[in-house]
């Protein structure tokens, strides 16, 4: 039991948290931004998903556009609370998507990167 709680705490602490100030809008390569937000922890390399931790992010453009994904990334809990598909994902993966704490410009870069994953 202690091991499971320790692993869960480690996974939750690994999500989100950009290493640079959120108001720093200097250009950053999209893949590096994805990595700096620790998206790989739950969504895996290339956004392919990690069983039990996070869904596959490839080809999600059927459900998202840049603006809606930006809103979700900024405040995932609030956005998901009114979306049955996202509520089902939350129950399936049992981890809550963290707020990204990114500027609007960086949210756009991250959303565009995610939507381009194949």
PDB file of N, CA and C in Angstrom:
ATOM      1  N   UNK A   1       0.820  -1.190   0.000  1.00  0.00           N
ATOM      2  CA  UNK A   1       0.000   0.000   0.000  1.00  0.00           C
ATOM      3  C   UNK A   1       0.866   1.256   0.000  1.00  0.00           C
ATOM      4  N   UNK A   2       1.920   1.268   0.854  1.00  0.00           N
ATOM      5  CA  UNK A   2       2.800   2.429   0.905  1.00  0.00           C
ATOM      6  C   UNK A   2       3.486   2.655  -0.436  1.00  0.00           C
ATOM      7  N   UNK A   3       3.862   1.572  -1.099  1.00  0.00           N
ATOM      8  CA  UNK A   3       4.518   1.675  -2.397  1.00  0.00           C
ATOM      9  C   UNK A   3       3.582   2.318  -3.414  1.00  0.00           C
ATOM     10  N   UNK A   4       2.324   1.910  -3.437  1.00  0.00           N
ATOM     11  CA  UNK A   4       1.345   2.468  -4.376  1.00  0.00           C
ATOM     12  C   UNK A   4       1.152   3.952  -4.137  1.00  0.00           C
ATOM     13  N   UNK A   5       1.041   4.345  -2.864  1.00  0.00           N
ATOM     14  CA  UNK A   5       0.876   5.761  -2.552  1.00  0.00           C
ATOM     15  C   UNK A   5       2.122   6.556  -2.930  1.00  0.00           C
ATOM     16  N   UNK A   6       3.268   5.981  -2.733  1.00  0.00           N
ATOM     17  CA  UNK A   6       4.517   6.649  -3.099  1.00  0.00           C
ATOM     18  C   UNK A   6       4.629   6.855  -4.595  1.00  0.00           C
ATOM     19  N   UNK A   7       4.246   5.843  -5.363  1.00  0.00           N
ATOM     20  CA  UNK A   7       4.287   5.947  -6.818  1.00  0.00           C
ATOM     21  C   UNK A   7       3.298   6.998  -7.289  1.00  0.00           C
ATOM     22  N   UNK A   8       2.087   7.012  -6.714  1.00  0.00           N
ATOM     23  CA  UNK A   8       1.085   8.008  -7.082  1.00  0.00           C
ATOM     24  C   UNK A   8       1.588   9.416  -6.769  1.00  0.00           C
ATOM     25  N   UNK A   9       2.178   9.609  -5.605  1.00  0.00           N
ATOM     26  CA  UNK A   9       2.708  10.922  -5.237  1.00  0.00           C
ATOM     27  C   UNK A   9       3.807  11.356  -6.191  1.00  0.00           C
ATOM     28  N   UNK A  10       4.671  10.438  -6.578  1.00  0.00           N
ATOM     29  CA  UNK A  10       5.741  10.749  -7.512  1.00  0.00           C
ATOM     30  C   UNK A  10       5.169  11.151  -8.867  1.00  0.00           C
ATOM     31  N   UNK A  11       4.173  10.414  -9.353  1.00  0.00           N
ATOM     32  CA  UNK A  11       3.570  10.734 -10.649  1.00  0.00           C
ATOM     33  C   UNK A  11       2.886  12.092 -10.614  1.00  0.00           C
ATOM     34  N   UNK A  12       2.164  12.387  -9.543  1.00  0.00           N
ATOM     35  CA  UNK A  12       1.477  13.671  -9.445  1.00  0.00           C
ATOM     36  C   UNK A  12       2.465  14.823  -9.361  1.00  0.00           C
ATOM     37  N   UNK A  13       3.561  14.630  -8.656  1.00  0.00           N
ATOM     38  CA  UNK A  13       4.543  15.707  -8.544  1.00  0.00           C
ATOM     39  C   UNK A  13       5.302  15.914  -9.838  1.00  0.00           C
ATOM     40  N   UNK A  14       5.297  14.916 -10.716  1.00  0.00           N
ATOM     41  CA  UNK A  14       6.018  15.022 -11.976  1.00  0.00           C
ATOM     42  C   UNK A  14       5.235  15.780 -13.036  1.00  0.00           C
ATOM     43  N   UNK A  15       3.948  15.988 -12.839  1.00  0.00           N
ATOM     44  CA  UNK A  15       3.109  16.647 -13.844  1.00  0.00           C
ATOM     45  C   UNK A  15       3.188  18.158 -13.709  1.00  0.00           C
ATOM     46  N   UNK A  16       3.237  18.827 -14.853  1.00  0.00           N
ATOM     47  CA  UNK A  16       3.173  20.288 -14.891  1.00  0.00           C
ATOM     48  C   UNK A  16       4.418  20.932 -14.323  1.00  0.00           C
ATOM     49  N   UNK A  17       4.412  22.250 -14.255  1.00  0.00           N
ATOM     50  CA  UNK A  17       5.493  22.977 -13.638  1.00  0.00           C
ATOM     51  C   UNK A  17       6.616  23.323 -14.567  1.00  0.00           C
ATOM     52  N   UNK A  18       6.411  24.312 -15.379  1.00  0.00           N
ATOM     53  CA  UNK A  18       7.431  24.770 -16.310  1.00  0.00           C
ATOM     54  C   UNK A  18       8.644  25.251 -15.531  1.00  0.00           C
ATOM     55  N   UNK A  19       9.822  25.043 -16.068  1.00  0.00           N
ATOM     56  CA  UNK A  19      11.043  25.427 -15.379  1.00  0.00           C
ATOM     57  C   UNK A  19      11.374  26.907 -15.550  1.00  0.00           C
ATOM     58  N   UNK A  20      10.698  27.596 -16.455  1.00  0.00           N
ATOM     59  CA  UNK A  20      10.929  29.016 -16.662  1.00  0.00           C
ATOM     60  C   UNK A  20       9.697  29.783 -16.215  1.00  0.00           C
ATOM     61  N   UNK A  21       9.843  31.088 -15.891  1.00  0.00           N
ATOM     62  CA  UNK A  21       8.680  31.868 -15.475  1.00  0.00           C
ATOM     63  C   UNK A  21       7.579  31.837 -16.519  1.00  0.00           C
ATOM     64  N   UNK A  22       6.312  31.835 -16.048  1.00  0.00           N
ATOM     65  CA  UNK A  22       5.208  31.715 -16.986  1.00  0.00           C
ATOM     66  C   UNK A  22       5.069  32.935 -17.882  1.00  0.00           C
ATOM     67  N   UNK A  23       5.592  34.076 -17.483  1.00  0.00           N
ATOM     68  CA  UNK A  23       5.480  35.266 -18.326  1.00  0.00           C
ATOM     69  C   UNK A  23       6.633  35.379 -19.311  1.00  0.00           C
ATOM     70  N   UNK A  24       7.502  34.399 -19.358  1.00  0.00           N
ATOM     71  CA  UNK A  24       8.614  34.394 -20.296  1.00  0.00           C
ATOM     72  C   UNK A  24       8.105  33.864 -21.626  1.00  0.00           C
ATOM     73  N   UNK A  25       7.934  34.755 -22.586  1.00  0.00           N
ATOM     74  CA  UNK A  25       7.413  34.351 -23.885  1.00  0.00           C
ATOM     75  C   UNK A  25       8.497  34.249 -24.946  1.00  0.00           C
ATOM     76  N   UNK A  26       9.721  34.031 -24.504  1.00  0.00           N
ATOM     77  CA  UNK A  26      10.781  33.791 -25.471  1.00  0.00           C
ATOM     78  C   UNK A  26      10.438  32.527 -26.240  1.00  0.00           C
ATOM     79  N   UNK A  27      10.760  32.485 -27.527  1.00  0.00           N
ATOM     80  CA  UNK A  27      10.454  31.281 -28.312  1.00  0.00           C
ATOM     81  C   UNK A  27      11.092  30.038 -27.684  1.00  0.00           C
ATOM     82  N   UNK A  28      10.336  28.974 -27.704  1.00  0.00           N
ATOM     83  CA  UNK A  28      10.814  27.690 -27.197  1.00  0.00           C
ATOM     84  C   UNK A  28      10.305  26.627 -28.169  1.00  0.00           C
ATOM     85  N   UNK A  29      11.157  25.696 -28.562  1.00  0.00           N
ATOM     86  CA  UNK A  29      10.690  24.652 -29.475  1.00  0.00           C
ATOM     87  C   UNK A  29       9.511  23.898 -28.856  1.00  0.00           C
ATOM     88  N   UNK A  30       8.477  23.628 -29.638  1.00  0.00           N
ATOM     89  CA  UNK A  30       7.277  22.980 -29.096  1.00  0.00           C
ATOM     90  C   UNK A  30       7.553  21.665 -28.370  1.00  0.00           C
ATOM     91  N   UNK A  31       8.427  20.833 -28.912  1.00  0.00           N
ATOM     92  CA  UNK A  31       8.719  19.556 -28.259  1.00  0.00           C
ATOM     93  C   UNK A  31       9.373  19.785 -26.895  1.00  0.00           C
ATOM     94  N   UNK A  32      10.221  20.797 -26.809  1.00  0.00           N
ATOM     95  CA  UNK A  32      10.863  21.118 -25.518  1.00  0.00           C
ATOM     96  C   UNK A  32       9.822  21.625 -24.517  1.00  0.00           C
ATOM     97  N   UNK A  33       8.856  22.394 -24.999  1.00  0.00           N
ATOM     98  CA  UNK A  33       7.785  22.868 -24.123  1.00  0.00           C
ATOM     99  C   UNK A  33       6.974  21.679 -23.602  1.00  0.00           C
ATOM    100  N   UNK A  34       6.655  20.742 -24.474  1.00  0.00           N
ATOM    101  CA  UNK A  34       5.942  19.517 -24.094  1.00  0.00           C
ATOM    102  C   UNK A  34       6.725  18.780 -23.005  1.00  0.00           C
ATOM    103  N   UNK A  35       8.031  18.693 -23.181  1.00  0.00           N
ATOM    104  CA  UNK A  35       8.881  18.013 -22.197  1.00  0.00           C
ATOM    105  C   UNK A  35       8.990  18.809 -20.905  1.00  0.00           C
ATOM    106  N   UNK A  36       9.114  20.136 -21.005  1.00  0.00           N
ATOM    107  CA  UNK A  36       9.284  20.956 -19.802  1.00  0.00           C
ATOM    108  C   UNK A  36       8.045  20.920 -18.922  1.00  0.00           C
ATOM    109  N   UNK A  37       6.893  20.656 -19.505  1.00  0.00           N
ATOM    110  CA  UNK A  37       5.658  20.535 -18.731  1.00  0.00           C
ATOM    111  C   UNK A  37       5.475  19.128 -18.176  1.00  0.00           C
ATOM    112  N   UNK A  38       6.435  18.274 -18.480  1.00  0.00           N
ATOM    113  CA  UNK A  38       6.443  16.889 -18.004  1.00  0.00           C
ATOM    114  C   UNK A  38       5.249  16.096 -18.524  1.00  0.00           C
ATOM    115  N   UNK A  39       4.784  16.457 -19.714  1.00  0.00           N
ATOM    116  CA  UNK A  39       3.678  15.738 -20.357  1.00  0.00           C
ATOM    117  C   UNK A  39       4.050  14.280 -20.611  1.00  0.00           C
ATOM    118  N   UNK A  40       5.359  14.032 -20.815  1.00  0.00           N
ATOM    119  CA  UNK A  40       5.825  12.670 -21.081  1.00  0.00           C
ATOM    120  C   UNK A  40       5.510  11.719 -19.930  1.00  0.00           C
ATOM    121  N   UNK A  41       5.457  12.246 -18.722  1.00  0.00           N
ATOM    122  CA  UNK A  41       5.218  11.408 -17.547  1.00  0.00           C
ATOM    123  C   UNK A  41       3.941  10.597 -17.702  1.00  0.00           C
ATOM    124  N   UNK A  42       2.883  11.235 -18.163  1.00  0.00           N
ATOM    125  CA  UNK A  42       1.597  10.538 -18.306  1.00  0.00           C
ATOM    126  C   UNK A  42       1.261  10.180 -19.747  1.00  0.00           C
ATOM    127  N   UNK A  43       1.695  11.013 -20.678  1.00  0.00           N
ATOM    128  CA  UNK A  43       1.298  10.817 -22.075  1.00  0.00           C
ATOM    129  C   UNK A  43       2.362  10.127 -22.917  1.00  0.00           C
ATOM    130  N   UNK A  44       3.530   9.895 -22.348  1.00  0.00           N
ATOM    131  CA  UNK A  44       4.577   9.139 -23.023  1.00  0.00           C
ATOM    132  C   UNK A  44       5.246   9.875 -24.168  1.00  0.00           C
ATOM    133  N   UNK A  45       6.328   9.291 -24.692  1.00  0.00           N
ATOM    134  CA  UNK A  45       7.050   9.890 -25.821  1.00  0.00           C
ATOM    135  C   UNK A  45       6.122  10.064 -27.021  1.00  0.00           C
ATOM    136  N   UNK A  46       6.197  11.204 -27.640  1.00  0.00           N
ATOM    137  CA  UNK A  46       5.361  11.470 -28.814  1.00  0.00           C
ATOM    138  C   UNK A  46       3.884  11.522 -28.504  1.00  0.00           C
ATOM    139  N   UNK A  47       3.521  11.624 -27.216  1.00  0.00           N
ATOM    140  CA  UNK A  47       2.125  11.688 -26.828  1.00  0.00           C
ATOM    141  C   UNK A  47       1.369  10.395 -27.051  1.00  0.00           C
ATOM    142  N   UNK A  48       2.075   9.257 -27.073  1.00  0.00           N
ATOM    143  CA  UNK A  48       1.460   7.957 -27.396  1.00  0.00           C
ATOM    144  C   UNK A  48       0.630   7.366 -26.264  1.00  0.00           C
ATOM    145  N   UNK A  49       0.631   8.021 -25.119  1.00  0.00           N
ATOM    146  CA  UNK A  49      -0.137   7.527 -23.993  1.00  0.00           C
ATOM    147  C   UNK A  49       0.659   6.567 -23.134  1.00  0.00           C
ATOM    148  N   UNK A  50       0.242   6.444 -21.892  1.00  0.00           N
ATOM    149  CA  UNK A  50       0.864   5.531 -20.937  1.00  0.00           C
ATOM    150  C   UNK A  50      -0.265   4.799 -20.232  1.00  0.00           C
ATOM    151  N   UNK A  51      -0.340   3.474 -20.380  1.00  0.00           N
ATOM    152  CA  UNK A  51      -1.427   2.719 -19.753  1.00  0.00           C
ATOM    153  C   UNK A  51      -1.578   3.059 -18.275  1.00  0.00           C
ATOM    154  N   UNK A  52      -2.781   3.404 -17.887  1.00  0.00           N
ATOM    155  CA  UNK A  52      -3.084   3.722 -16.501  1.00  0.00           C
ATOM    156  C   UNK A  52      -2.701   5.120 -16.063  1.00  0.00           C
ATOM    157  N   UNK A  53      -1.939   5.849 -16.882  1.00  0.00           N
ATOM    158  CA  UNK A  53      -1.495   7.179 -16.470  1.00  0.00           C
ATOM    159  C   UNK A  53      -2.087   8.296 -17.323  1.00  0.00           C
ATOM    160  N   UNK A  54      -2.079   8.145 -18.637  1.00  0.00           N
ATOM    161  CA  UNK A  54      -2.592   9.215 -19.486  1.00  0.00           C
ATOM    162  C   UNK A  54      -2.907   8.725 -20.887  1.00  0.00           C
ATOM    163  N   UNK A  55      -3.909   9.341 -21.519  1.00  0.00           N
ATOM    164  CA  UNK A  55      -4.340   8.891 -22.841  1.00  0.00           C
ATOM    165  C   UNK A  55      -3.380   9.275 -23.961  1.00  0.00           C
ATOM    166  N   UNK A  56      -3.530   8.593 -25.070  1.00  0.00           N
ATOM    167  CA  UNK A  56      -2.815   8.890 -26.308  1.00  0.00           C
ATOM    168  C   UNK A  56      -3.287  10.259 -26.810  1.00  0.00           C
ATOM    169  N   UNK A  57      -2.360  11.120 -27.142  1.00  0.00           N
ATOM    170  CA  UNK A  57      -2.700  12.464 -27.617  1.00  0.00           C
ATOM    171  C   UNK A  57      -2.637  12.588 -29.133  1.00  0.00           C
ATOM    172  N   UNK A  58      -2.276  11.520 -29.802  1.00  0.00           N
ATOM    173  CA  UNK A  58      -2.172  11.584 -31.263  1.00  0.00           C
ATOM    174  C   UNK A  58      -3.562  11.624 -31.888  1.00  0.00           C
ATOM    175  N   UNK A  59      -3.674  12.404 -32.944  1.00  0.00           N
ATOM    176  CA  UNK A  59      -4.909  12.472 -33.730  1.00  0.00           C
ATOM    177  C   UNK A  59      -6.139  12.844 -32.905  1.00  0.00           C
ATOM    178  N   UNK A  60      -5.980  13.790 -31.985  1.00  0.00           N
ATOM    179  CA  UNK A  60      -7.122  14.202 -31.161  1.00  0.00           C
ATOM    180  C   UNK A  60      -7.889  15.368 -31.780  1.00  0.00           C
ATOM    181  N   UNK A  61      -7.531  15.749 -32.987  1.00  0.00           N
ATOM    182  CA  UNK A  61      -8.160  16.915 -33.603  1.00  0.00           C
ATOM    183  C   UNK A  61      -9.637  16.702 -33.931  1.00  0.00           C
ATOM    184  N   UNK A  62     -10.149  15.482 -33.811  1.00  0.00           N
ATOM    185  CA  UNK A  62     -11.586  15.249 -33.991  1.00  0.00           C
ATOM    186  C   UNK A  62     -12.385  15.841 -32.828  1.00  0.00           C
ATOM    187  N   UNK A  63     -11.734  15.987 -31.675  1.00  0.00           N
ATOM    188  CA  UNK A  63     -12.408  16.488 -30.473  1.00  0.00           C
ATOM    189  C   UNK A  63     -11.970  17.898 -30.077  1.00  0.00           C
ATOM    190  N   UNK A  64     -10.897  18.381 -30.666  1.00  0.00           N
ATOM    191  CA  UNK A  64     -10.307  19.638 -30.204  1.00  0.00           C
ATOM    192  C   UNK A  64      -9.960  20.559 -31.372  1.00  0.00           C
ATOM    193  N   UNK A  65      -9.987  21.864 -31.074  1.00  0.00           N
ATOM    194  CA  UNK A  65      -9.338  22.847 -31.932  1.00  0.00           C
ATOM    195  C   UNK A  65      -8.348  23.581 -31.024  1.00  0.00           C
ATOM    196  N   UNK A  66      -7.544  24.455 -31.578  1.00  0.00           N
ATOM    197  CA  UNK A  66      -6.497  25.112 -30.780  1.00  0.00           C
ATOM    198  C   UNK A  66      -7.095  25.864 -29.591  1.00  0.00           C
ATOM    199  N   UNK A  67      -8.147  26.636 -29.831  1.00  0.00           N
ATOM    200  CA  UNK A  67      -8.713  27.448 -28.747  1.00  0.00           C
ATOM    201  C   UNK A  67      -9.290  26.607 -27.614  1.00  0.00           C
ATOM    202  N   UNK A  68     -10.031  25.546 -27.947  1.00  0.00           N
ATOM    203  CA  UNK A  68     -10.608  24.722 -26.880  1.00  0.00           C
ATOM    204  C   UNK A  68      -9.518  23.968 -26.120  1.00  0.00           C
ATOM    205  N   UNK A  69      -8.487  23.515 -26.817  1.00  0.00           N
ATOM    206  CA  UNK A  69      -7.393  22.823 -26.136  1.00  0.00           C
ATOM    207  C   UNK A  69      -6.616  23.782 -25.234  1.00  0.00           C
ATOM    208  N   UNK A  70      -6.452  25.021 -25.666  1.00  0.00           N
ATOM    209  CA  UNK A  70      -5.803  26.021 -24.810  1.00  0.00           C
ATOM    210  C   UNK A  70      -6.585  26.226 -23.522  1.00  0.00           C
ATOM    211  N   UNK A  71      -7.909  26.323 -23.633  1.00  0.00           N
ATOM    212  CA  UNK A  71      -8.754  26.487 -22.437  1.00  0.00           C
ATOM    213  C   UNK A  71      -8.606  25.296 -21.505  1.00  0.00           C
ATOM    214  N   UNK A  72      -8.605  24.107 -22.076  1.00  0.00           N
ATOM    215  CA  UNK A  72      -8.446  22.901 -21.264  1.00  0.00           C
ATOM    216  C   UNK A  72      -7.081  22.862 -20.577  1.00  0.00           C
ATOM    217  N   UNK A  73      -6.031  23.146 -21.325  1.00  0.00           N
ATOM    218  CA  UNK A  73      -4.686  23.101 -20.744  1.00  0.00           C
ATOM    219  C   UNK A  73      -4.517  24.123 -19.623  1.00  0.00           C
ATOM    220  N   UNK A  74      -5.177  25.263 -19.742  1.00  0.00           N
ATOM    221  CA  UNK A  74      -5.068  26.301 -18.721  1.00  0.00           C
ATOM    222  C   UNK A  74      -5.781  25.906 -17.434  1.00  0.00           C
ATOM    223  N   UNK A  75      -6.960  25.312 -17.554  1.00  0.00           N
ATOM    224  CA  UNK A  75      -7.761  24.940 -16.382  1.00  0.00           C
ATOM    225  C   UNK A  75      -8.471  23.611 -16.650  1.00  0.00           C
ATOM    226  N   UNK A  76      -7.724  22.524 -16.648  1.00  0.00           N
ATOM    227  CA  UNK A  76      -8.294  21.236 -17.038  1.00  0.00           C
ATOM    228  C   UNK A  76      -9.445  20.744 -16.166  1.00  0.00           C
ATOM    229  N   UNK A  77      -9.357  20.922 -14.865  1.00  0.00           N
ATOM    230  CA  UNK A  77     -10.428  20.431 -13.998  1.00  0.00           C
ATOM    231  C   UNK A  77     -11.732  21.143 -14.306  1.00  0.00           C
ATOM    232  N   UNK A  78     -11.687  22.468 -14.376  1.00  0.00           N
ATOM    233  CA  UNK A  78     -12.895  23.249 -14.630  1.00  0.00           C
ATOM    234  C   UNK A  78     -13.484  22.905 -16.003  1.00  0.00           C
ATOM    235  N   UNK A  79     -12.615  22.751 -16.997  1.00  0.00           N
ATOM    236  CA  UNK A  79     -13.076  22.437 -18.351  1.00  0.00           C
ATOM    237  C   UNK A  79     -13.686  21.036 -18.395  1.00  0.00           C
ATOM    238  N   UNK A  80     -13.029  20.080 -17.764  1.00  0.00           N
ATOM    239  CA  UNK A  80     -13.477  18.681 -17.812  1.00  0.00           C
ATOM    240  C   UNK A  80     -14.750  18.449 -17.016  1.00  0.00           C
ATOM    241  N   UNK A  81     -14.992  19.254 -15.994  1.00  0.00           N
ATOM    242  CA  UNK A  81     -16.168  19.046 -15.147  1.00  0.00           C
ATOM    243  C   UNK A  81     -17.480  19.068 -15.925  1.00  0.00           C
ATOM    244  N   UNK A  82     -17.505  19.726 -17.091  1.00  0.00           N
ATOM    245  CA  UNK A  82     -18.739  19.799 -17.871  1.00  0.00           C
ATOM    246  C   UNK A  82     -18.647  19.013 -19.186  1.00  0.00           C
ATOM    247  N   UNK A  83     -17.654  18.113 -19.291  1.00  0.00           N
ATOM    248  CA  UNK A  83     -17.456  17.373 -20.529  1.00  0.00           C
ATOM    249  C   UNK A  83     -17.469  15.867 -20.234  1.00  0.00           C
ATOM    250  N   UNK A  84     -18.532  15.165 -20.641  1.00  0.00           N
ATOM    251  CA  UNK A  84     -18.635  13.730 -20.321  1.00  0.00           C
ATOM    252  C   UNK A  84     -17.445  12.897 -20.807  1.00  0.00           C
ATOM    253  N   UNK A  85     -16.907  13.200 -21.979  1.00  0.00           N
ATOM    254  CA  UNK A  85     -15.764  12.441 -22.504  1.00  0.00           C
ATOM    255  C   UNK A  85     -14.544  12.613 -21.605  1.00  0.00           C
ATOM    256  N   UNK A  86     -14.305  13.840 -21.158  1.00  0.00           N
ATOM    257  CA  UNK A  86     -13.150  14.102 -20.292  1.00  0.00           C
ATOM    258  C   UNK A  86     -13.373  13.546 -18.887  1.00  0.00           C
ATOM    259  N   UNK A  87     -14.602  13.568 -18.417  1.00  0.00           N
ATOM    260  CA  UNK A  87     -14.900  12.958 -17.119  1.00  0.00           C
ATOM    261  C   UNK A  87     -14.644  11.452 -17.160  1.00  0.00           C
ATOM    262  N   UNK A  88     -14.979  10.826 -18.279  1.00  0.00           N
ATOM    263  CA  UNK A  88     -14.711   9.388 -18.433  1.00  0.00           C
ATOM    264  C   UNK A  88     -13.211   9.119 -18.440  1.00  0.00           C
ATOM    265  N   UNK A  89     -12.450   9.980 -19.115  1.00  0.00           N
ATOM    266  CA  UNK A  89     -10.989   9.831 -19.106  1.00  0.00           C
ATOM    267  C   UNK A  89     -10.439   9.991 -17.695  1.00  0.00           C
ATOM    268  N   UNK A  90     -10.966  10.962 -16.961  1.00  0.00           N
ATOM    269  CA  UNK A  90     -10.500  11.190 -15.596  1.00  0.00           C
ATOM    270  C   UNK A  90     -10.717   9.937 -14.758  1.00  0.00           C
ATOM    271  N   UNK A  91     -11.880   9.305 -14.904  1.00  0.00           N
ATOM    272  CA  UNK A  91     -12.168   8.087 -14.144  1.00  0.00           C
ATOM    273  C   UNK A  91     -11.267   6.940 -14.598  1.00  0.00           C
ATOM    274  N   UNK A  92     -11.032   6.846 -15.884  1.00  0.00           N
ATOM    275  CA  UNK A  92     -10.215   5.751 -16.435  1.00  0.00           C
ATOM    276  C   UNK A  92      -8.761   5.844 -15.978  1.00  0.00           C
ATOM    277  N   UNK A  93      -8.200   7.051 -15.990  1.00  0.00           N
ATOM    278  CA  UNK A  93      -6.774   7.197 -15.683  1.00  0.00           C
ATOM    279  C   UNK A  93      -6.507   7.560 -14.228  1.00  0.00           C
ATOM    280  N   UNK A  94      -7.518   7.987 -13.515  1.00  0.00           N
ATOM    281  CA  UNK A  94      -7.435   8.270 -12.075  1.00  0.00           C
ATOM    282  C   UNK A  94      -6.401   9.319 -11.695  1.00  0.00           C
ATOM    283  N   UNK A  95      -5.873  10.006 -12.648  1.00  0.00           N
ATOM    284  CA  UNK A  95      -4.974  11.122 -12.367  1.00  0.00           C
ATOM    285  C   UNK A  95      -5.589  12.365 -12.976  1.00  0.00           C
ATOM    286  N   UNK A  96      -5.515  13.435 -12.269  1.00  0.00           N
ATOM    287  CA  UNK A  96      -6.088  14.670 -12.793  1.00  0.00           C
ATOM    288  C   UNK A  96      -5.028  15.435 -13.560  1.00  0.00           C
ATOM    289  N   UNK A  97      -5.394  15.904 -14.723  1.00  0.00           N
ATOM    290  CA  UNK A  97      -4.502  16.734 -15.530  1.00  0.00           C
ATOM    291  C   UNK A  97      -4.202  18.015 -14.739  1.00  0.00           C
ATOM    292  N   UNK A  98      -2.923  18.352 -14.566  1.00  0.00           N
ATOM    293  CA  UNK A  98      -2.580  19.565 -13.804  1.00  0.00           C
ATOM    294  C   UNK A  98      -2.738  20.823 -14.657  1.00  0.00           C
ATOM    295  N   UNK A  99      -2.950  21.959 -14.002  1.00  0.00           N
ATOM    296  CA  UNK A  99      -2.905  23.243 -14.698  1.00  0.00           C
ATOM    297  C   UNK A  99      -1.490  23.447 -15.214  1.00  0.00           C
ATOM    298  N   UNK A 100      -1.349  24.080 -16.366  1.00  0.00           N
ATOM    299  CA  UNK A 100      -0.021  24.240 -16.945  1.00  0.00           C
ATOM    300  C   UNK A 100       0.718  25.475 -16.479  1.00  0.00           C
ATOM    301  N   UNK A 101       0.005  26.507 -16.008  1.00  0.00           N
ATOM    302  CA  UNK A 101       0.657  27.736 -15.556  1.00  0.00           C
ATOM    303  C   UNK A 101       1.463  28.417 -16.666  1.00  0.00           C
ATOM    304  N   UNK A 102       0.993  28.314 -17.902  1.00  0.00           N
ATOM    305  CA  UNK A 102       1.700  28.893 -19.043  1.00  0.00           C
ATOM    306  C   UNK A 102       1.041  30.188 -19.496  1.00  0.00           C
ATOM    307  N   UNK A 103       1.824  31.029 -20.130  1.00  0.00           N
ATOM    308  CA  UNK A 103       1.281  32.237 -20.751  1.00  0.00           C
ATOM    309  C   UNK A 103       0.392  31.820 -21.923  1.00  0.00           C
ATOM    310  N   UNK A 104      -0.423  32.725 -22.407  1.00  0.00           N
ATOM    311  CA  UNK A 104      -1.303  32.424 -23.537  1.00  0.00           C
ATOM    312  C   UNK A 104      -0.498  32.030 -24.772  1.00  0.00           C
ATOM    313  N   UNK A 105       0.622  32.707 -24.998  1.00  0.00           N
ATOM    314  CA  UNK A 105       1.450  32.388 -26.166  1.00  0.00           C
ATOM    315  C   UNK A 105       1.985  30.965 -26.078  1.00  0.00           C
ATOM    316  N   UNK A 106       2.422  30.567 -24.907  1.00  0.00           N
ATOM    317  CA  UNK A 106       2.959  29.209 -24.754  1.00  0.00           C
ATOM    318  C   UNK A 106       1.854  28.161 -24.756  1.00  0.00           C
ATOM    319  N   UNK A 107       0.689  28.520 -24.240  1.00  0.00           N
ATOM    320  CA  UNK A 107      -0.448  27.602 -24.340  1.00  0.00           C
ATOM    321  C   UNK A 107      -0.762  27.319 -25.805  1.00  0.00           C
ATOM    322  N   UNK A 108      -0.707  28.343 -26.634  1.00  0.00           N
ATOM    323  CA  UNK A 108      -0.979  28.181 -28.063  1.00  0.00           C
ATOM    324  C   UNK A 108       0.062  27.260 -28.705  1.00  0.00           C
ATOM    325  N   UNK A 109       1.334  27.481 -28.391  1.00  0.00           N
ATOM    326  CA  UNK A 109       2.412  26.635 -28.950  1.00  0.00           C
ATOM    327  C   UNK A 109       2.191  25.180 -28.527  1.00  0.00           C
ATOM    328  N   UNK A 110       1.871  24.964 -27.265  1.00  0.00           N
ATOM    329  CA  UNK A 110       1.670  23.599 -26.768  1.00  0.00           C
ATOM    330  C   UNK A 110       0.436  22.957 -27.411  1.00  0.00           C
ATOM    331  N   UNK A 111      -0.643  23.695 -27.505  1.00  0.00           N
ATOM    332  CA  UNK A 111      -1.869  23.160 -28.126  1.00  0.00           C
ATOM    333  C   UNK A 111      -1.630  22.818 -29.586  1.00  0.00           C
ATOM    334  N   UNK A 112      -0.958  23.689 -30.318  1.00  0.00           N
ATOM    335  CA  UNK A 112      -0.678  23.418 -31.728  1.00  0.00           C
ATOM    336  C   UNK A 112       0.212  22.185 -31.886  1.00  0.00           C
ATOM    337  N   UNK A 113       1.197  22.041 -30.992  1.00  0.00           N
ATOM    338  CA  UNK A 113       2.075  20.873 -31.034  1.00  0.00           C
ATOM    339  C   UNK A 113       1.277  19.589 -30.798  1.00  0.00           C
ATOM    340  N   UNK A 114       0.444  19.603 -29.767  1.00  0.00           N
ATOM    341  CA  UNK A 114      -0.331  18.410 -29.435  1.00  0.00           C
ATOM    342  C   UNK A 114      -1.267  18.038 -30.587  1.00  0.00           C
ATOM    343  N   UNK A 115      -1.917  19.033 -31.164  1.00  0.00           N
ATOM    344  CA  UNK A 115      -2.844  18.762 -32.261  1.00  0.00           C
ATOM    345  C   UNK A 115      -2.143  18.237 -33.509  1.00  0.00           C
ATOM    346  N   UNK A 116      -0.852  18.487 -33.628  1.00  0.00           N
ATOM    347  CA  UNK A 116      -0.089  18.016 -34.800  1.00  0.00           C
ATOM    348  C   UNK A 116       0.482  16.611 -34.598  1.00  0.00           C
ATOM    349  N   UNK A 117       0.368  16.064 -33.384  1.00  0.00           N
ATOM    350  CA  UNK A 117       0.901  14.722 -33.126  1.00  0.00           C
ATOM    351  C   UNK A 117       0.132  13.686 -33.936  1.00  0.00           C
ATOM    352  N   UNK A 118       0.887  12.785 -34.547  1.00  0.00           N
ATOM    353  CA  UNK A 118       0.281  11.701 -35.346  1.00  0.00           C
ATOM    354  C   UNK A 118       0.855  10.372 -34.929  1.00  0.00           C
TER     355      UNK A 118
END
